[in-house]
């Protein structure tokens, strides 16, 4: 039953998810710049596993008085951009933009990249795709406060 639902879910995304590519523009002024094209030359062939991951993923969790919000955009060309925000009440303690490369082996999304807060420090993160179709933080170079990170697909 789960396999049938997963196949239906994968088929839906393979047939209806619009293809787009990312320009090589850096992230500026806290926004994510996206250039949409449908040129076959700029888009690699879609693999059903990869199309499951492509798109926007978001999540949040609370630890005592702080709330962490995070969002990731995984693009078909193997790049990603992300934003992590840490709040205490309504006060922003940290706002961090990330960008880099991602791969997916059917179960683990592996990302490497850099942070806007410290461009020289490399970022390595692994997310595990669960049966409930959420991405769970597996391991990586993020602080311990991110160990509870769970992302749900919104687009």
N, C-alpha and C. Protein backbone atom coordinates (compact mmCIF):
# COMPACT_ATOMS: atom_id res chain seq x y z
N UNK A 1 0.82 -1.19 0.00
CA UNK A 1 0.00 0.00 0.00
C UNK A 1 0.87 1.27 0.00
N UNK A 2 1.91 1.30 0.88
CA UNK A 2 2.79 2.46 0.92
C UNK A 2 3.53 2.63 -0.39
N UNK A 3 3.96 1.51 -0.99
CA UNK A 3 4.68 1.59 -2.26
C UNK A 3 3.77 2.16 -3.35
N UNK A 4 2.51 1.75 -3.36
CA UNK A 4 1.56 2.26 -4.35
C UNK A 4 1.37 3.76 -4.17
N UNK A 5 1.19 4.21 -2.91
CA UNK A 5 1.03 5.64 -2.66
C UNK A 5 2.27 6.42 -3.05
N UNK A 6 3.45 5.85 -2.77
CA UNK A 6 4.69 6.52 -3.14
C UNK A 6 4.82 6.63 -4.65
N UNK A 7 4.44 5.58 -5.38
CA UNK A 7 4.49 5.63 -6.85
C UNK A 7 3.53 6.68 -7.40
N UNK A 8 2.34 6.77 -6.82
CA UNK A 8 1.37 7.78 -7.25
C UNK A 8 1.94 9.17 -6.97
N UNK A 9 2.51 9.35 -5.78
CA UNK A 9 3.11 10.63 -5.40
C UNK A 9 4.24 11.00 -6.34
N UNK A 10 5.13 10.04 -6.64
CA UNK A 10 6.24 10.30 -7.55
C UNK A 10 5.74 10.62 -8.95
N UNK A 11 4.74 9.88 -9.43
CA UNK A 11 4.19 10.12 -10.77
C UNK A 11 3.62 11.52 -10.87
N UNK A 12 2.93 11.95 -9.83
CA UNK A 12 2.35 13.29 -9.84
C UNK A 12 3.43 14.35 -10.03
N UNK A 13 4.53 14.24 -9.26
CA UNK A 13 5.58 15.24 -9.37
C UNK A 13 6.33 15.14 -10.68
N UNK A 14 6.50 13.94 -11.22
CA UNK A 14 7.21 13.80 -12.50
C UNK A 14 6.42 14.45 -13.63
N UNK A 15 5.09 14.36 -13.56
CA UNK A 15 4.27 14.86 -14.66
C UNK A 15 3.85 16.32 -14.50
N UNK A 16 3.76 16.81 -13.26
CA UNK A 16 3.19 18.14 -13.09
C UNK A 16 4.14 19.18 -12.53
N UNK A 17 5.32 18.84 -12.09
CA UNK A 17 6.22 19.82 -11.49
C UNK A 17 6.94 20.59 -12.59
N UNK A 18 6.84 21.93 -12.59
CA UNK A 18 7.50 22.71 -13.65
C UNK A 18 9.01 22.68 -13.51
N UNK A 19 9.69 22.55 -14.63
CA UNK A 19 11.16 22.55 -14.62
C UNK A 19 11.66 23.98 -14.68
N UNK A 20 12.71 24.27 -13.95
CA UNK A 20 13.32 25.59 -13.99
C UNK A 20 14.79 25.45 -13.67
N UNK A 21 15.56 26.47 -14.03
CA UNK A 21 16.98 26.45 -13.72
C UNK A 21 17.31 27.68 -12.89
N UNK A 22 18.42 27.63 -12.20
CA UNK A 22 18.83 28.73 -11.33
C UNK A 22 19.95 29.51 -12.01
N UNK A 23 19.83 30.81 -11.99
CA UNK A 23 20.93 31.62 -12.50
C UNK A 23 22.09 31.52 -11.53
N UNK A 24 23.27 31.85 -11.97
CA UNK A 24 24.45 31.77 -11.12
C UNK A 24 24.65 33.05 -10.31
N UNK A 25 23.58 33.80 -10.12
CA UNK A 25 23.65 35.03 -9.34
C UNK A 25 23.78 34.69 -7.86
N UNK A 26 24.62 35.42 -7.11
CA UNK A 26 24.70 35.18 -5.67
C UNK A 26 23.43 35.68 -4.98
N UNK A 27 23.21 35.21 -3.78
CA UNK A 27 22.09 35.68 -2.99
C UNK A 27 22.41 37.10 -2.51
N UNK A 28 21.51 38.04 -2.80
CA UNK A 28 21.75 39.44 -2.45
C UNK A 28 20.59 39.96 -1.61
N UNK A 29 20.89 40.84 -0.68
CA UNK A 29 19.89 41.53 0.13
C UNK A 29 18.89 40.60 0.79
N UNK A 30 19.30 39.40 1.15
CA UNK A 30 18.43 38.49 1.88
C UNK A 30 17.32 37.88 1.05
N UNK A 31 17.41 37.96 -0.28
CA UNK A 31 16.39 37.36 -1.13
C UNK A 31 17.02 36.27 -1.98
N UNK A 32 16.19 35.38 -2.45
CA UNK A 32 16.65 34.32 -3.33
C UNK A 32 16.28 34.71 -4.75
N UNK A 33 17.27 34.88 -5.61
CA UNK A 33 17.02 35.26 -7.00
C UNK A 33 16.79 34.01 -7.83
N UNK A 34 15.70 33.98 -8.58
CA UNK A 34 15.39 32.80 -9.38
C UNK A 34 15.01 33.24 -10.79
N UNK A 35 15.60 32.57 -11.75
CA UNK A 35 15.29 32.84 -13.15
C UNK A 35 14.65 31.59 -13.71
N UNK A 36 13.39 31.68 -14.10
CA UNK A 36 12.70 30.50 -14.59
C UNK A 36 12.87 30.41 -16.10
N UNK A 37 13.24 29.21 -16.56
CA UNK A 37 13.31 28.93 -17.98
C UNK A 37 12.76 27.55 -18.21
N UNK A 38 12.38 27.27 -19.43
CA UNK A 38 11.93 25.92 -19.76
C UNK A 38 12.74 25.37 -20.92
N UNK A 39 13.91 25.92 -21.15
CA UNK A 39 14.77 25.46 -22.22
C UNK A 39 15.29 24.06 -21.94
N UNK A 40 15.05 23.09 -22.84
CA UNK A 40 15.54 21.73 -22.61
C UNK A 40 17.05 21.67 -22.47
N UNK A 41 17.78 22.57 -23.11
CA UNK A 41 19.23 22.55 -23.03
C UNK A 41 19.73 22.90 -21.63
N UNK A 42 18.96 23.70 -20.88
CA UNK A 42 19.41 24.12 -19.56
C UNK A 42 18.92 23.21 -18.44
N UNK A 43 18.06 22.25 -18.75
CA UNK A 43 17.51 21.36 -17.73
C UNK A 43 17.96 19.93 -17.96
N UNK A 44 18.58 19.29 -16.95
CA UNK A 44 18.99 17.90 -17.10
C UNK A 44 17.77 16.99 -17.13
N UNK A 45 17.92 15.75 -17.66
CA UNK A 45 16.80 14.82 -17.63
C UNK A 45 16.36 14.58 -16.18
N UNK A 46 15.05 14.49 -15.96
CA UNK A 46 14.54 14.34 -14.61
C UNK A 46 14.50 12.89 -14.20
N UNK A 47 15.02 12.60 -13.04
CA UNK A 47 14.96 11.30 -12.41
C UNK A 47 13.83 11.38 -11.40
N UNK A 48 13.00 10.33 -11.29
CA UNK A 48 11.85 10.41 -10.41
C UNK A 48 12.26 10.64 -8.96
N UNK A 49 13.40 10.11 -8.53
CA UNK A 49 13.86 10.36 -7.16
C UNK A 49 14.23 11.82 -6.97
N UNK A 50 14.91 12.39 -7.94
CA UNK A 50 15.32 13.78 -7.83
C UNK A 50 14.09 14.69 -7.87
N UNK A 51 13.10 14.37 -8.69
CA UNK A 51 11.92 15.23 -8.77
C UNK A 51 11.13 15.21 -7.47
N UNK A 52 11.27 14.15 -6.69
CA UNK A 52 10.61 14.11 -5.39
C UNK A 52 11.20 15.17 -4.45
N UNK A 53 12.49 15.42 -4.55
CA UNK A 53 13.18 16.36 -3.66
C UNK A 53 13.09 17.80 -4.16
N UNK A 54 13.09 18.00 -5.48
CA UNK A 54 13.07 19.36 -6.03
C UNK A 54 11.89 20.16 -5.49
N UNK A 55 12.15 21.42 -5.20
CA UNK A 55 11.09 22.30 -4.74
C UNK A 55 11.43 22.94 -3.41
N UNK A 56 10.41 23.48 -2.77
CA UNK A 56 10.57 24.21 -1.51
C UNK A 56 10.19 23.33 -0.33
N UNK A 57 11.06 23.31 0.68
CA UNK A 57 10.85 22.55 1.92
C UNK A 57 10.99 23.53 3.09
N UNK A 58 10.09 23.41 4.07
CA UNK A 58 10.14 24.31 5.23
C UNK A 58 9.87 23.56 6.52
N UNK A 59 10.28 24.18 7.61
CA UNK A 59 10.01 23.61 8.92
C UNK A 59 10.38 24.58 10.03
N UNK A 60 10.03 24.20 11.25
CA UNK A 60 10.41 24.98 12.42
C UNK A 60 10.36 24.07 13.64
N UNK A 61 11.03 24.49 14.68
CA UNK A 61 10.86 23.86 15.98
C UNK A 61 11.23 24.85 17.08
N UNK A 62 10.73 24.57 18.26
CA UNK A 62 10.96 25.45 19.40
C UNK A 62 11.81 24.74 20.45
N UNK A 63 12.73 25.48 21.02
CA UNK A 63 13.55 25.00 22.13
C UNK A 63 13.50 26.09 23.19
N UNK A 64 12.86 25.78 24.30
CA UNK A 64 12.68 26.73 25.41
C UNK A 64 12.10 28.04 24.89
N UNK A 65 12.84 29.13 24.97
CA UNK A 65 12.34 30.45 24.58
C UNK A 65 12.66 30.82 23.13
N UNK A 66 13.31 29.92 22.39
CA UNK A 66 13.72 30.24 21.02
C UNK A 66 12.94 29.41 20.01
N UNK A 67 12.76 29.98 18.83
CA UNK A 67 12.11 29.29 17.72
C UNK A 67 13.03 29.34 16.52
N UNK A 68 13.23 28.20 15.88
CA UNK A 68 14.05 28.12 14.67
C UNK A 68 13.13 27.87 13.49
N UNK A 69 13.25 28.72 12.46
CA UNK A 69 12.54 28.54 11.20
C UNK A 69 13.58 28.27 10.13
N UNK A 70 13.27 27.37 9.20
CA UNK A 70 14.22 27.07 8.13
C UNK A 70 13.45 26.72 6.86
N UNK A 71 14.02 27.11 5.74
CA UNK A 71 13.44 26.81 4.44
C UNK A 71 14.55 26.50 3.45
N UNK A 72 14.32 25.49 2.62
CA UNK A 72 15.29 25.06 1.62
C UNK A 72 14.61 25.01 0.26
N UNK A 73 15.31 25.47 -0.77
CA UNK A 73 14.85 25.34 -2.14
C UNK A 73 15.86 24.47 -2.88
N UNK A 74 15.42 23.28 -3.29
CA UNK A 74 16.27 22.36 -4.04
C UNK A 74 15.91 22.49 -5.52
N UNK A 75 16.91 22.82 -6.35
CA UNK A 75 16.68 23.07 -7.77
C UNK A 75 17.10 21.87 -8.62
N UNK A 76 16.52 21.72 -9.81
CA UNK A 76 16.83 20.57 -10.68
C UNK A 76 18.29 20.52 -11.13
N UNK A 77 18.98 21.65 -11.13
CA UNK A 77 20.37 21.65 -11.59
C UNK A 77 21.36 21.28 -10.49
N UNK A 78 20.86 20.80 -9.34
CA UNK A 78 21.73 20.35 -8.26
C UNK A 78 22.19 21.44 -7.31
N UNK A 79 21.61 22.63 -7.38
CA UNK A 79 21.96 23.69 -6.45
C UNK A 79 20.81 23.88 -5.45
N UNK A 80 21.13 24.50 -4.34
CA UNK A 80 20.11 24.81 -3.35
C UNK A 80 20.39 26.18 -2.75
N UNK A 81 19.37 26.77 -2.19
CA UNK A 81 19.52 27.95 -1.34
C UNK A 81 18.63 27.71 -0.13
N UNK A 82 19.03 28.26 0.99
CA UNK A 82 18.30 28.03 2.23
C UNK A 82 18.39 29.26 3.12
N UNK A 83 17.47 29.31 4.05
CA UNK A 83 17.48 30.39 5.04
C UNK A 83 17.15 29.79 6.39
N UNK A 84 17.96 30.10 7.39
CA UNK A 84 17.73 29.70 8.78
C UNK A 84 17.53 30.97 9.59
N UNK A 85 16.48 31.01 10.39
CA UNK A 85 16.22 32.16 11.25
C UNK A 85 15.98 31.68 12.67
N UNK A 86 16.59 32.34 13.62
CA UNK A 86 16.47 32.01 15.04
C UNK A 86 15.86 33.21 15.76
N UNK A 87 14.74 32.98 16.44
CA UNK A 87 14.04 34.05 17.15
C UNK A 87 13.95 33.75 18.64
N UNK A 88 13.96 34.82 19.41
CA UNK A 88 13.60 34.73 20.83
C UNK A 88 12.45 35.71 21.00
N UNK A 89 11.25 35.18 21.16
CA UNK A 89 10.06 36.02 21.13
C UNK A 89 9.92 36.59 19.74
N UNK A 90 9.88 37.92 19.63
CA UNK A 90 9.82 38.57 18.32
C UNK A 90 11.17 39.12 17.87
N UNK A 91 12.18 38.91 18.68
CA UNK A 91 13.52 39.43 18.38
C UNK A 91 14.31 38.40 17.55
N UNK A 92 14.86 38.85 16.42
CA UNK A 92 15.68 37.99 15.58
C UNK A 92 17.08 37.90 16.17
N UNK A 93 17.49 36.68 16.51
CA UNK A 93 18.84 36.47 17.04
C UNK A 93 19.83 36.15 15.93
N UNK A 94 19.34 35.46 14.89
CA UNK A 94 20.22 35.07 13.79
C UNK A 94 19.40 34.92 12.52
N UNK A 95 19.94 35.38 11.41
CA UNK A 95 19.33 35.22 10.09
C UNK A 95 20.46 34.82 9.14
N UNK A 96 20.43 33.60 8.67
CA UNK A 96 21.55 33.03 7.93
C UNK A 96 21.08 32.50 6.58
N UNK A 97 21.73 32.93 5.51
CA UNK A 97 21.45 32.42 4.16
C UNK A 97 22.53 31.41 3.78
N UNK A 98 22.11 30.30 3.18
CA UNK A 98 23.02 29.24 2.77
C UNK A 98 22.82 28.97 1.29
N UNK A 99 23.88 28.54 0.61
CA UNK A 99 23.75 28.12 -0.78
C UNK A 99 24.85 27.13 -1.11
N UNK A 100 24.59 26.29 -2.12
CA UNK A 100 25.58 25.29 -2.51
C UNK A 100 24.98 24.23 -3.42
N UNK A 101 25.49 23.01 -3.29
CA UNK A 101 25.11 21.89 -4.15
C UNK A 101 24.39 20.82 -3.33
N UNK A 102 23.53 20.03 -4.01
CA UNK A 102 22.87 18.92 -3.34
C UNK A 102 22.83 17.69 -4.24
N UNK A 103 22.80 16.52 -3.60
CA UNK A 103 22.63 15.24 -4.30
C UNK A 103 21.65 14.40 -3.50
N UNK A 104 21.05 13.42 -4.17
CA UNK A 104 20.08 12.53 -3.53
C UNK A 104 20.32 11.12 -4.01
N UNK A 105 20.46 10.17 -3.08
CA UNK A 105 20.73 8.78 -3.44
C UNK A 105 19.50 7.88 -3.31
N UNK A 106 18.33 8.46 -3.12
CA UNK A 106 17.12 7.68 -2.94
C UNK A 106 16.65 7.66 -1.50
N UNK A 107 17.55 7.98 -0.57
CA UNK A 107 17.18 8.03 0.84
C UNK A 107 17.82 9.23 1.56
N UNK A 108 19.03 9.60 1.18
CA UNK A 108 19.77 10.68 1.85
C UNK A 108 19.98 11.85 0.89
N UNK A 109 19.60 13.05 1.34
CA UNK A 109 19.92 14.28 0.62
C UNK A 109 21.19 14.81 1.27
N UNK A 110 22.22 14.95 0.46
CA UNK A 110 23.51 15.44 0.96
C UNK A 110 23.75 16.82 0.36
N UNK A 111 24.03 17.80 1.22
CA UNK A 111 24.28 19.14 0.71
C UNK A 111 25.64 19.63 1.20
N UNK A 112 26.28 20.40 0.33
CA UNK A 112 27.54 21.07 0.66
C UNK A 112 27.40 22.51 0.19
N UNK A 113 27.96 23.43 0.93
CA UNK A 113 27.85 24.82 0.53
C UNK A 113 28.51 25.74 1.52
N UNK A 114 28.03 26.98 1.51
CA UNK A 114 28.58 28.02 2.37
C UNK A 114 27.46 28.84 2.98
N UNK A 115 27.79 29.55 4.04
CA UNK A 115 26.86 30.39 4.76
C UNK A 115 27.18 31.85 4.50
N UNK A 116 26.14 32.69 4.46
CA UNK A 116 26.38 34.13 4.29
C UNK A 116 27.04 34.73 5.53
N UNK A 117 26.83 34.13 6.69
CA UNK A 117 27.44 34.65 7.92
C UNK A 117 28.93 34.38 7.97
N UNK A 118 29.38 33.30 7.34
CA UNK A 118 30.80 32.95 7.34
C UNK A 118 31.12 32.23 6.03
N UNK A 119 31.35 32.97 4.93
CA UNK A 119 31.56 32.36 3.61
C UNK A 119 32.75 31.41 3.52
N UNK A 120 33.75 31.58 4.38
CA UNK A 120 34.92 30.70 4.33
C UNK A 120 34.65 29.33 4.96
N UNK A 121 33.67 29.26 5.84
CA UNK A 121 33.37 27.99 6.51
C UNK A 121 32.48 27.14 5.61
N UNK A 122 32.92 25.91 5.34
CA UNK A 122 32.12 25.03 4.49
C UNK A 122 31.00 24.39 5.31
N UNK A 123 29.92 24.10 4.63
CA UNK A 123 28.73 23.53 5.23
C UNK A 123 28.51 22.15 4.65
N UNK A 124 28.30 21.15 5.49
CA UNK A 124 27.98 19.80 5.04
C UNK A 124 26.84 19.29 5.90
N UNK A 125 25.75 18.88 5.24
CA UNK A 125 24.56 18.42 5.95
C UNK A 125 23.99 17.20 5.23
N UNK A 126 23.44 16.28 6.00
CA UNK A 126 22.71 15.14 5.44
C UNK A 126 21.30 15.13 6.03
N UNK A 127 20.31 15.01 5.14
CA UNK A 127 18.92 14.83 5.53
C UNK A 127 18.49 13.43 5.10
N UNK A 128 17.68 12.78 5.92
CA UNK A 128 17.13 11.46 5.59
C UNK A 128 15.67 11.64 5.18
N UNK A 129 15.30 11.08 4.02
CA UNK A 129 13.91 11.09 3.58
C UNK A 129 13.20 9.94 4.26
N UNK A 130 12.16 10.24 5.02
CA UNK A 130 11.46 9.20 5.78
C UNK A 130 10.24 8.70 5.00
N UNK A 131 9.62 7.65 5.53
CA UNK A 131 8.42 7.09 4.90
C UNK A 131 7.26 8.08 4.90
N UNK A 132 7.25 9.02 5.86
CA UNK A 132 6.19 10.03 5.89
C UNK A 132 6.50 11.21 4.95
N UNK A 133 7.53 11.05 4.10
CA UNK A 133 7.94 12.04 3.10
C UNK A 133 8.34 13.38 3.71
N UNK A 134 9.02 13.33 4.84
CA UNK A 134 9.66 14.49 5.45
C UNK A 134 11.17 14.29 5.40
N UNK A 135 11.89 15.38 5.39
CA UNK A 135 13.35 15.32 5.49
C UNK A 135 13.75 15.59 6.94
N UNK A 136 14.51 14.67 7.52
CA UNK A 136 14.98 14.80 8.89
C UNK A 136 16.49 15.01 8.89
N UNK A 137 16.95 15.96 9.71
CA UNK A 137 18.38 16.23 9.84
C UNK A 137 19.05 14.96 10.36
N UNK A 138 20.02 14.46 9.62
CA UNK A 138 20.73 13.23 9.98
C UNK A 138 22.04 13.56 10.69
N UNK A 139 22.87 14.34 10.02
CA UNK A 139 24.17 14.71 10.57
C UNK A 139 24.68 15.91 9.78
N UNK A 140 25.69 16.57 10.32
CA UNK A 140 26.26 17.69 9.58
C UNK A 140 26.97 18.68 10.46
N UNK A 141 27.31 19.81 9.84
CA UNK A 141 28.13 20.83 10.48
C UNK A 141 27.31 21.93 11.15
N UNK A 142 26.00 21.73 11.28
CA UNK A 142 25.17 22.73 11.96
C UNK A 142 25.27 22.57 13.48
N UNK A 143 24.99 23.64 14.23
CA UNK A 143 24.99 23.53 15.70
C UNK A 143 23.95 22.51 16.19
N UNK A 144 24.11 22.05 17.42
CA UNK A 144 23.21 21.05 18.00
C UNK A 144 21.75 21.47 18.02
N UNK A 145 21.48 22.77 18.04
CA UNK A 145 20.08 23.23 18.07
C UNK A 145 19.31 22.80 16.82
N UNK A 146 20.02 22.43 15.76
CA UNK A 146 19.35 22.00 14.52
C UNK A 146 19.12 20.49 14.47
N UNK A 147 19.51 19.76 15.48
CA UNK A 147 19.37 18.30 15.45
C UNK A 147 17.91 17.86 15.36
N UNK A 148 16.97 18.70 15.75
CA UNK A 148 15.54 18.37 15.67
C UNK A 148 14.91 18.82 14.35
N UNK A 149 15.71 19.28 13.40
CA UNK A 149 15.19 19.83 12.15
C UNK A 149 14.40 18.78 11.36
N UNK A 150 13.18 19.16 10.98
CA UNK A 150 12.33 18.33 10.13
C UNK A 150 11.71 19.25 9.09
N UNK A 151 11.86 18.88 7.82
CA UNK A 151 11.35 19.70 6.72
C UNK A 151 10.20 18.99 6.03
N UNK A 152 9.16 19.74 5.72
CA UNK A 152 8.04 19.24 4.93
C UNK A 152 8.00 19.97 3.61
N UNK A 153 7.62 19.26 2.56
CA UNK A 153 7.58 19.88 1.23
C UNK A 153 6.33 20.74 1.10
N UNK A 154 6.52 21.96 0.63
CA UNK A 154 5.40 22.89 0.46
C UNK A 154 5.13 23.19 -1.00
N UNK A 155 6.03 22.80 -1.88
CA UNK A 155 5.87 23.14 -3.30
C UNK A 155 6.60 22.15 -4.15
